[in-house]
Every structure is written in C-alpha cells, then in structure tokens.
Protein backbone atom coordinates (compact mmCIF):
# COMPACT_ATOMS: atom_id res chain seq x y z
CA ILE A 1 -20.63 -31.33 2.37
CA ILE A 2 -20.13 -34.71 4.05
CA VAL A 3 -22.90 -36.34 6.09
CA THR A 4 -21.75 -39.00 8.56
CA GLU A 5 -24.83 -39.24 10.83
CA LEU A 6 -28.55 -39.25 10.17
CA PRO A 7 -31.38 -38.23 12.50
CA TYR A 8 -33.44 -40.82 14.34
CA GLN A 9 -35.66 -42.90 11.99
CA VAL A 10 -34.38 -41.28 8.77
CA ASN A 11 -33.80 -43.76 5.95
CA LYS A 12 -30.61 -43.11 3.98
CA ALA A 13 -32.07 -44.29 0.65
CA PHE A 14 -35.12 -42.04 1.08
CA LEU A 15 -32.87 -39.09 1.97
CA LEU A 16 -30.68 -39.58 -1.12
CA GLU A 17 -33.75 -39.88 -3.34
CA LYS A 18 -35.28 -36.73 -1.83
CA ILE A 19 -32.07 -34.71 -2.35
CA ALA A 20 -31.75 -35.98 -5.95
CA ASN A 21 -35.37 -35.03 -6.70
CA LEU A 22 -34.91 -31.54 -5.24
CA VAL A 23 -31.74 -31.00 -7.28
CA ASN A 24 -33.44 -32.23 -10.47
CA ASP A 25 -36.45 -29.97 -9.82
CA LYS A 26 -34.04 -27.01 -9.29
CA LYS A 27 -35.38 -26.43 -5.75
CA ILE A 28 -31.85 -26.71 -4.33
CA GLU A 29 -29.18 -24.82 -6.25
CA GLY A 30 -25.44 -25.43 -6.09
CA VAL A 31 -25.25 -29.23 -5.89
CA ALA A 32 -22.98 -30.76 -8.54
CA ASP A 33 -22.92 -34.41 -7.44
CA LEU A 34 -24.41 -36.69 -4.81
CA ARG A 35 -22.58 -39.88 -3.78
CA ASP A 36 -23.20 -42.60 -1.22
CA GLU A 37 -19.81 -43.77 0.07
CA SER A 38 -21.23 -45.75 2.99
CA ASP A 39 -19.61 -49.03 3.94
CA ARG A 40 -19.55 -51.35 6.93
CA ASP A 41 -17.67 -48.71 8.94
CA GLY A 42 -20.53 -46.21 8.83
CA ILE A 43 -22.61 -43.78 6.84
CA ARG A 44 -20.90 -41.34 4.49
CA VAL A 45 -22.92 -39.27 2.03
CA VAL A 46 -20.91 -36.80 -0.05
CA ILE A 47 -22.65 -33.79 -1.57
CA GLU A 48 -20.31 -32.03 -3.98
CA LEU A 49 -21.04 -28.39 -4.63
CA LYS A 50 -20.59 -26.27 -7.72
CA ARG A 51 -17.71 -23.79 -7.70
CA ASP A 52 -19.93 -20.75 -7.25
CA ALA A 53 -22.12 -22.31 -4.53
CA ILE A 54 -22.02 -21.05 -0.96
CA PRO A 55 -21.81 -24.11 1.34
CA ALA A 56 -23.73 -22.53 4.24
CA ILE A 57 -26.69 -21.64 2.02
CA VAL A 58 -26.81 -25.10 0.43
CA GLN A 59 -26.59 -26.70 3.87
CA ASN A 60 -29.45 -24.56 5.21
CA ASN A 61 -31.57 -25.45 2.16
CA LEU A 62 -30.85 -29.14 2.76
CA PHE A 63 -31.87 -28.80 6.41
CA GLN A 64 -35.11 -27.02 5.47
CA LYS A 65 -36.23 -29.16 2.52
CA THR A 66 -35.05 -32.65 3.49
CA PRO A 67 -35.25 -34.82 6.61
CA LEU A 68 -31.53 -34.17 7.21
CA GLN A 69 -32.52 -32.20 10.32
CA THR A 70 -35.55 -33.38 12.29
CA SER A 71 -36.87 -33.02 15.79
CA PHE A 72 -38.85 -35.45 17.90
CA SER A 73 -40.47 -35.30 21.28
CA GLY A 74 -39.99 -37.57 24.23
CA ASN A 75 -42.24 -38.30 27.18
CA LEU A 76 -40.12 -38.35 30.33
CA LEU A 77 -42.49 -40.18 32.66
CA ALA A 78 -41.15 -42.00 35.72
CA LEU A 79 -41.98 -43.04 39.27
CA MET A 80 -40.42 -40.52 41.65
CA GLY A 81 -40.51 -39.79 45.35
CA SER A 82 -43.06 -42.14 46.90
CA GLY A 83 -42.95 -44.36 43.82
CA THR A 84 -46.71 -44.74 43.56
CA GLN A 85 -47.65 -41.93 41.21
CA PRO A 86 -46.02 -41.41 37.78
CA GLU A 87 -44.57 -37.96 37.28
CA ARG A 88 -43.51 -36.04 34.17
CA PHE A 89 -40.02 -34.59 34.17
CA THR A 90 -38.33 -31.87 32.24
CA LEU A 91 -35.09 -32.89 30.58
CA ARG A 92 -33.11 -30.91 33.15
CA SER A 93 -34.85 -32.49 36.15
CA ALA A 94 -34.44 -35.99 34.68
CA LEU A 95 -30.71 -35.38 34.13
CA ASP A 96 -30.34 -33.92 37.63
CA TYR A 97 -32.04 -36.96 39.14
CA PHE A 98 -29.87 -39.32 37.08
CA LEU A 99 -26.67 -37.51 38.10
CA ASP A 100 -27.67 -37.62 41.78
CA PHE A 101 -28.30 -41.35 41.41
CA ARG A 102 -24.91 -41.93 39.76
CA PHE A 103 -23.03 -39.89 42.39
CA GLU A 104 -24.72 -41.87 45.17
CA THR A 105 -23.96 -45.17 43.42
CA ILE A 106 -20.30 -44.28 42.93
CA ARG A 107 -20.04 -43.06 46.54
CA ARG A 108 -21.49 -46.34 47.85
CA ARG A 109 -19.27 -48.46 45.61
CA THR A 110 -16.16 -46.55 46.64
CA SER A 111 -17.12 -46.78 50.32
CA PHE A 112 -17.59 -50.54 50.00
CA LYS A 113 -14.21 -50.97 48.30
CA LEU A 114 -12.54 -48.80 50.96
CA LYS A 115 -14.04 -50.90 53.79
CA LYS A 116 -12.95 -54.08 52.01
CA VAL A 117 -9.36 -52.84 51.63
CA ALA A 118 -9.30 -51.56 55.24
CA SER A 119 -10.43 -54.95 56.56
CA ARG A 120 -7.70 -56.68 54.55
CA ALA A 121 -5.10 -54.25 55.91
CA HIS A 122 -5.79 -55.52 59.46
CA ILE A 123 -5.08 -59.14 58.49
C-alpha cells in the first residue's frame, strides 16, 4: 500500500508513529514493514504487507484506526442577493453560484475581446 496524500491537518510523523504502535500492539494484522520514502517531490509512505495479508482488509483497518481518512466540516457563509444579510449555502448551491459567476465572467471577457477585435477590423 502506497500513501501519496494525507488528509487536511494530519501530521505524517504522527501517522507513522500511530501505524507502528498499532502494528506492534497487534491491532492491525498483515503489515510487514513501514517506510517513509518522502522527499522534496512529495509524500510517499510505503506499507509492505505480509504474503497472506488481504490488502483491502488492511487498508480498511488503517482507515478505521488511524487518521489516514478523516472528515471535516466547513461553514459556507457568504453575502448573497441583496448583499446585506449573510446566508448559509449548501455545497451544491455554492458551486452553482460559483459556476454562474465564472460563466458570466468568461462571457463578459469574450464579449470585450470580440468588440476590441471588431473595432480594429474597421481601421
């Protein structure tokens, strides 16, 4: 099993220590070796499995017993509509609003460039 990304606010050293402790306490079975091969190009943690280990089961145990898989909440609060009262958004509504904004921005930019080129064509 190779880990190349860590969840938000998870410390690599703490994660390696936690996995090593769980393997030593026999709470996670099937791990033969744990190596940190990280360098300046990025994170790379290699978890070698024993021959008889089932990778999916070991991976699920790692997700359950370590911070290798975490969740966090976000507060999507923004000024919308009249711009005077803050409003909470769902993720979908925030993405819809952002996409509408980007489409409008791209449309305006393209329209401006088209008018600029059209005015130069008359010269």
